[in-house]
Amino acid sequence: MSGIITRWLINAVALLLTAGLIPGITITGVFSAIVAAIVWGIVNAVIRPIILVLTLPINVLTLGLFTLFVNGFMLKIVDHVVVGFDTQGFWATVFGALVLSLISGIFSVLVRDR
């Protein structure tokens, strides 16, 4: 159970850092970041695999680059669900999803589960 909470907190910090780095992404507070991290985890666990299977032919044709747009779409879903988390513009969302994935991946390597 503590591993899930740790991942949510890592994603919340990653969201806050992403909002600081990407001009089109804003988070109003820490509580909004925590809720957005929880929703981000649920969206990535439930909706993202379905979308990736449906877009598999496009992913094969673009050699996986279309996954960046799928990740941006997932971030836009979180934007619509969470109050206090806002993304403006297509490219800000796509770059935000890329930066969020990189920061979250780095933090996950640094903080390992037992």
N, C-alpha and C. Protein backbone atom coordinates (compact mmCIF):
# COMPACT_ATOMS: atom_id res chain seq x y z
N MET A 1 0.82 -1.20 0.00
CA MET A 1 0.00 0.00 0.00
C MET A 1 0.86 1.26 0.00
N SER A 2 1.97 1.22 0.72
CA SER A 2 2.83 2.40 0.77
C SER A 2 3.49 2.66 -0.58
N GLY A 3 3.65 1.61 -1.40
CA GLY A 3 4.22 1.80 -2.73
C GLY A 3 3.32 2.61 -3.63
N ILE A 4 2.02 2.41 -3.52
CA ILE A 4 1.06 3.17 -4.33
C ILE A 4 1.08 4.63 -3.90
N ILE A 5 1.08 4.87 -2.61
CA ILE A 5 1.10 6.25 -2.10
C ILE A 5 2.40 6.94 -2.51
N THR A 6 3.50 6.20 -2.45
CA THR A 6 4.78 6.76 -2.88
C THR A 6 4.74 7.14 -4.35
N ARG A 7 4.18 6.29 -5.20
CA ARG A 7 4.06 6.59 -6.63
C ARG A 7 3.18 7.81 -6.87
N TRP A 8 2.07 7.91 -6.12
CA TRP A 8 1.20 9.08 -6.28
C TRP A 8 1.92 10.36 -5.88
N LEU A 9 2.67 10.31 -4.81
CA LEU A 9 3.42 11.49 -4.38
C LEU A 9 4.52 11.84 -5.38
N ILE A 10 5.17 10.83 -5.94
CA ILE A 10 6.18 11.08 -6.98
C ILE A 10 5.53 11.74 -8.19
N ASN A 11 4.38 11.23 -8.60
CA ASN A 11 3.68 11.82 -9.74
C ASN A 11 3.18 13.23 -9.43
N ALA A 12 2.78 13.48 -8.18
CA ALA A 12 2.35 14.83 -7.81
C ALA A 12 3.51 15.81 -7.90
N VAL A 13 4.68 15.41 -7.41
CA VAL A 13 5.87 16.27 -7.52
C VAL A 13 6.25 16.45 -8.98
N ALA A 14 6.16 15.38 -9.77
CA ALA A 14 6.46 15.47 -11.20
C ALA A 14 5.49 16.42 -11.91
N LEU A 15 4.23 16.39 -11.51
CA LEU A 15 3.24 17.31 -12.09
C LEU A 15 3.56 18.75 -11.73
N LEU A 16 3.95 18.99 -10.49
CA LEU A 16 4.31 20.34 -10.08
C LEU A 16 5.54 20.85 -10.83
N LEU A 17 6.54 19.97 -11.01
CA LEU A 17 7.72 20.36 -11.77
C LEU A 17 7.39 20.59 -13.24
N THR A 18 6.53 19.76 -13.79
CA THR A 18 6.12 19.94 -15.19
C THR A 18 5.38 21.25 -15.37
N ALA A 19 4.52 21.59 -14.42
CA ALA A 19 3.80 22.86 -14.49
C ALA A 19 4.76 24.04 -14.41
N GLY A 20 5.85 23.87 -13.69
CA GLY A 20 6.85 24.93 -13.61
C GLY A 20 7.68 25.05 -14.87
N LEU A 21 7.86 23.94 -15.58
CA LEU A 21 8.71 23.94 -16.77
C LEU A 21 7.96 24.29 -18.06
N ILE A 22 6.73 23.83 -18.19
CA ILE A 22 5.95 24.03 -19.42
C ILE A 22 5.01 25.21 -19.21
N PRO A 23 5.10 26.26 -20.05
CA PRO A 23 4.28 27.46 -19.84
C PRO A 23 2.78 27.24 -19.95
N GLY A 24 2.30 26.27 -20.70
CA GLY A 24 0.87 26.09 -20.90
C GLY A 24 0.19 25.22 -19.87
N ILE A 25 0.90 24.78 -18.84
CA ILE A 25 0.32 23.91 -17.82
C ILE A 25 0.35 24.63 -16.48
N THR A 26 -0.81 24.68 -15.81
CA THR A 26 -0.89 25.33 -14.51
C THR A 26 -1.57 24.41 -13.50
N ILE A 27 -1.07 24.46 -12.28
CA ILE A 27 -1.67 23.75 -11.15
C ILE A 27 -1.84 24.78 -10.04
N THR A 28 -3.04 24.83 -9.46
CA THR A 28 -3.32 25.87 -8.47
C THR A 28 -2.77 25.56 -7.09
N GLY A 29 -2.52 24.30 -6.78
CA GLY A 29 -2.01 23.99 -5.44
C GLY A 29 -1.56 22.56 -5.32
N VAL A 30 -1.06 22.23 -4.15
CA VAL A 30 -0.55 20.89 -3.90
C VAL A 30 -1.69 19.87 -3.89
N PHE A 31 -2.84 20.24 -3.34
CA PHE A 31 -3.97 19.32 -3.32
C PHE A 31 -4.42 18.98 -4.73
N SER A 32 -4.46 19.98 -5.61
CA SER A 32 -4.81 19.72 -7.02
C SER A 32 -3.78 18.81 -7.68
N ALA A 33 -2.51 18.97 -7.33
CA ALA A 33 -1.47 18.12 -7.89
C ALA A 33 -1.63 16.67 -7.42
N ILE A 34 -1.99 16.48 -6.15
CA ILE A 34 -2.18 15.13 -5.64
C ILE A 34 -3.39 14.46 -6.29
N VAL A 35 -4.49 15.21 -6.42
CA VAL A 35 -5.67 14.66 -7.08
C VAL A 35 -5.37 14.36 -8.55
N ALA A 36 -4.66 15.26 -9.22
CA ALA A 36 -4.29 15.04 -10.62
C ALA A 36 -3.38 13.83 -10.76
N ALA A 37 -2.49 13.61 -9.81
CA ALA A 37 -1.62 12.43 -9.86
C ALA A 37 -2.42 11.14 -9.70
N ILE A 38 -3.42 11.17 -8.83
CA ILE A 38 -4.26 9.99 -8.65
C ILE A 38 -5.06 9.72 -9.92
N VAL A 39 -5.65 10.76 -10.49
CA VAL A 39 -6.43 10.59 -11.72
C VAL A 39 -5.51 10.18 -12.87
N TRP A 40 -4.29 10.76 -12.93
CA TRP A 40 -3.31 10.40 -13.97
C TRP A 40 -2.99 8.90 -13.89
N GLY A 41 -2.82 8.38 -12.68
CA GLY A 41 -2.53 6.96 -12.52
C GLY A 41 -3.69 6.08 -12.96
N ILE A 42 -4.90 6.49 -12.62
CA ILE A 42 -6.08 5.72 -13.01
C ILE A 42 -6.27 5.75 -14.52
N VAL A 43 -6.13 6.92 -15.12
CA VAL A 43 -6.28 7.06 -16.57
C VAL A 43 -5.23 6.23 -17.29
N ASN A 44 -3.99 6.26 -16.81
CA ASN A 44 -2.93 5.48 -17.45
C ASN A 44 -3.12 3.98 -17.27
N ALA A 45 -3.76 3.57 -16.19
CA ALA A 45 -3.97 2.15 -15.95
C ALA A 45 -5.19 1.60 -16.68
N VAL A 46 -6.20 2.43 -16.91
CA VAL A 46 -7.45 1.93 -17.47
C VAL A 46 -7.64 2.33 -18.93
N ILE A 47 -7.53 3.61 -19.23
CA ILE A 47 -7.88 4.10 -20.57
C ILE A 47 -6.72 3.98 -21.55
N ARG A 48 -5.50 4.26 -21.11
CA ARG A 48 -4.35 4.28 -22.01
C ARG A 48 -4.12 2.96 -22.74
N PRO A 49 -4.20 1.78 -22.07
CA PRO A 49 -3.99 0.53 -22.82
C PRO A 49 -5.02 0.31 -23.92
N ILE A 50 -6.25 0.72 -23.68
CA ILE A 50 -7.30 0.57 -24.69
C ILE A 50 -6.99 1.45 -25.89
N ILE A 51 -6.62 2.70 -25.63
CA ILE A 51 -6.29 3.64 -26.71
C ILE A 51 -5.07 3.14 -27.49
N LEU A 52 -4.07 2.63 -26.79
CA LEU A 52 -2.88 2.14 -27.47
C LEU A 52 -3.18 0.95 -28.38
N VAL A 53 -4.07 0.07 -27.95
CA VAL A 53 -4.44 -1.06 -28.81
C VAL A 53 -5.22 -0.56 -30.03
N LEU A 54 -6.11 0.40 -29.81
CA LEU A 54 -6.90 0.92 -30.94
C LEU A 54 -6.05 1.70 -31.94
N THR A 55 -4.98 2.32 -31.48
CA THR A 55 -4.13 3.11 -32.37
C THR A 55 -2.87 2.36 -32.78
N LEU A 56 -2.85 1.06 -32.59
CA LEU A 56 -1.67 0.27 -32.92
C LEU A 56 -1.21 0.42 -34.37
N PRO A 57 -2.12 0.41 -35.36
CA PRO A 57 -1.64 0.59 -36.75
C PRO A 57 -0.94 1.94 -36.97
N ILE A 58 -1.46 2.99 -36.37
CA ILE A 58 -0.83 4.31 -36.51
C ILE A 58 0.52 4.32 -35.79
N ASN A 59 0.59 3.67 -34.64
CA ASN A 59 1.84 3.58 -33.90
C ASN A 59 2.90 2.82 -34.70
N VAL A 60 2.49 1.77 -35.38
CA VAL A 60 3.45 1.01 -36.19
C VAL A 60 3.95 1.87 -37.35
N LEU A 61 3.05 2.59 -37.99
CA LEU A 61 3.44 3.43 -39.13
C LEU A 61 4.36 4.58 -38.71
N THR A 62 4.15 5.13 -37.51
CA THR A 62 4.97 6.26 -37.06
C THR A 62 6.13 5.81 -36.18
N LEU A 63 6.36 4.51 -36.12
CA LEU A 63 7.44 3.93 -35.32
C LEU A 63 7.35 4.33 -33.85
N GLY A 64 6.13 4.41 -33.33
CA GLY A 64 5.90 4.68 -31.92
C GLY A 64 5.76 6.14 -31.54
N LEU A 65 5.98 7.05 -32.48
CA LEU A 65 5.89 8.47 -32.14
C LEU A 65 4.46 8.91 -31.82
N PHE A 66 3.48 8.20 -32.33
CA PHE A 66 2.09 8.55 -32.04
C PHE A 66 1.76 8.38 -30.55
N THR A 67 2.57 7.60 -29.85
CA THR A 67 2.38 7.42 -28.41
C THR A 67 2.50 8.75 -27.67
N LEU A 68 3.32 9.66 -28.17
CA LEU A 68 3.42 10.99 -27.57
C LEU A 68 2.06 11.70 -27.59
N PHE A 69 1.34 11.57 -28.69
CA PHE A 69 0.03 12.20 -28.80
C PHE A 69 -1.00 11.50 -27.92
N VAL A 70 -0.88 10.18 -27.79
CA VAL A 70 -1.76 9.45 -26.88
C VAL A 70 -1.53 9.90 -25.45
N ASN A 71 -0.26 10.08 -25.06
CA ASN A 71 0.05 10.55 -23.71
C ASN A 71 -0.49 11.96 -23.49
N GLY A 72 -0.39 12.81 -24.51
CA GLY A 72 -0.97 14.15 -24.42
C GLY A 72 -2.48 14.10 -24.26
N PHE A 73 -3.12 13.18 -24.96
CA PHE A 73 -4.57 13.01 -24.83
C PHE A 73 -4.94 12.55 -23.42
N MET A 74 -4.13 11.68 -22.84
CA MET A 74 -4.38 11.24 -21.46
C MET A 74 -4.25 12.41 -20.48
N LEU A 75 -3.27 13.27 -20.72
CA LEU A 75 -3.10 14.44 -19.86
C LEU A 75 -4.28 15.40 -20.02
N LYS A 76 -4.81 15.50 -21.24
CA LYS A 76 -5.98 16.36 -21.47
C LYS A 76 -7.22 15.80 -20.76
N ILE A 77 -7.33 14.49 -20.68
CA ILE A 77 -8.44 13.88 -19.92
C ILE A 77 -8.33 14.27 -18.45
N VAL A 78 -7.11 14.21 -17.91
CA VAL A 78 -6.90 14.61 -16.51
C VAL A 78 -7.27 16.08 -16.34
N ASP A 79 -6.94 16.90 -17.32
CA ASP A 79 -7.28 18.32 -17.28
C ASP A 79 -8.78 18.53 -17.17
N HIS A 80 -9.55 17.74 -17.89
CA HIS A 80 -11.01 17.89 -17.87
C HIS A 80 -11.64 17.37 -16.58
N VAL A 81 -10.97 16.45 -15.91
CA VAL A 81 -11.54 15.85 -14.70
C VAL A 81 -11.18 16.62 -13.44
N VAL A 82 -9.96 17.11 -13.35
CA VAL A 82 -9.44 17.70 -12.11
C VAL A 82 -9.59 19.22 -12.14
N VAL A 83 -10.23 19.74 -11.10
CA VAL A 83 -10.34 21.19 -10.93
C VAL A 83 -9.02 21.69 -10.34
N GLY A 84 -8.47 22.75 -10.92
CA GLY A 84 -7.21 23.29 -10.44
C GLY A 84 -6.02 22.84 -11.26
N PHE A 85 -6.25 21.98 -12.24
CA PHE A 85 -5.19 21.54 -13.16
C PHE A 85 -5.64 21.91 -14.56
N ASP A 86 -4.81 22.68 -15.26
CA ASP A 86 -5.23 23.21 -16.56
C ASP A 86 -4.10 23.12 -17.56
N THR A 87 -4.43 22.66 -18.76
CA THR A 87 -3.48 22.66 -19.87
C THR A 87 -4.06 23.51 -20.99
N GLN A 88 -3.21 24.32 -21.60
CA GLN A 88 -3.66 25.19 -22.68
C GLN A 88 -2.85 24.88 -23.92
N GLY A 89 -3.53 24.44 -24.94
CA GLY A 89 -2.89 24.21 -26.22
C GLY A 89 -2.46 22.77 -26.41
N PHE A 90 -2.44 22.38 -27.66
CA PHE A 90 -2.10 21.02 -28.03
C PHE A 90 -0.65 20.69 -27.72
N TRP A 91 0.26 21.56 -28.13
CA TRP A 91 1.68 21.27 -27.95
C TRP A 91 2.10 21.34 -26.49
N ALA A 92 1.51 22.23 -25.73
CA ALA A 92 1.82 22.27 -24.30
C ALA A 92 1.41 20.96 -23.63
N THR A 93 0.29 20.41 -24.05
CA THR A 93 -0.17 19.15 -23.48
C THR A 93 0.75 18.00 -23.87
N VAL A 94 1.15 17.95 -25.14
CA VAL A 94 2.03 16.87 -25.60
C VAL A 94 3.40 16.97 -24.95
N PHE A 95 3.98 18.17 -24.95
CA PHE A 95 5.29 18.34 -24.31
C PHE A 95 5.20 18.13 -22.80
N GLY A 96 4.08 18.54 -22.21
CA GLY A 96 3.87 18.32 -20.78
C GLY A 96 3.82 16.84 -20.44
N ALA A 97 3.15 16.06 -21.28
CA ALA A 97 3.10 14.61 -21.04
C ALA A 97 4.49 13.99 -21.19
N LEU A 98 5.27 14.48 -22.14
CA LEU A 98 6.63 13.98 -22.33
C LEU A 98 7.51 14.31 -21.13
N VAL A 99 7.47 15.56 -20.69
CA VAL A 99 8.27 15.99 -19.54
C VAL A 99 7.81 15.26 -18.27
N LEU A 100 6.49 15.12 -18.12
CA LEU A 100 5.96 14.41 -16.95
C LEU A 100 6.44 12.97 -16.92
N SER A 101 6.45 12.31 -18.05
CA SER A 101 6.93 10.93 -18.11
C SER A 101 8.42 10.84 -17.77
N LEU A 102 9.21 11.77 -18.28
CA LEU A 102 10.65 11.76 -18.00
C LEU A 102 10.93 12.01 -16.52
N ILE A 103 10.29 13.03 -15.95
CA ILE A 103 10.52 13.36 -14.54
C ILE A 103 10.04 12.23 -13.64
N SER A 104 8.87 11.69 -13.93
CA SER A 104 8.32 10.60 -13.13
C SER A 104 9.21 9.37 -13.23
N GLY A 105 9.73 9.09 -14.41
CA GLY A 105 10.63 7.95 -14.59
C GLY A 105 11.91 8.11 -13.80
N ILE A 106 12.47 9.31 -13.82
CA ILE A 106 13.71 9.56 -13.07
C ILE A 106 13.47 9.40 -11.57
N PHE A 107 12.36 9.97 -11.08
CA PHE A 107 12.05 9.83 -9.66
C PHE A 107 11.78 8.38 -9.28
N SER A 108 11.12 7.63 -10.15
CA SER A 108 10.83 6.24 -9.85
C SER A 108 12.10 5.41 -9.75
N VAL A 109 13.10 5.74 -10.55
CA VAL A 109 14.38 5.03 -10.45
C VAL A 109 15.09 5.38 -9.15
N LEU A 110 15.02 6.65 -8.76
CA LEU A 110 15.70 7.08 -7.54
C LEU A 110 15.04 6.55 -6.28
N VAL A 111 13.70 6.43 -6.28
CA VAL A 111 12.95 5.95 -5.11
C VAL A 111 12.37 4.59 -5.48
N ARG A 112 13.04 3.55 -5.08
CA ARG A 112 12.59 2.19 -5.43
C ARG A 112 11.67 1.62 -4.35
N ASP A 113 10.78 0.72 -4.78
CA ASP A 113 9.92 0.00 -3.83
C ASP A 113 10.74 -1.08 -3.13
N ARG A 114 10.28 -1.47 -1.97
CA ARG A 114 10.99 -2.52 -1.21
C ARG A 114 10.67 -3.87 -1.74
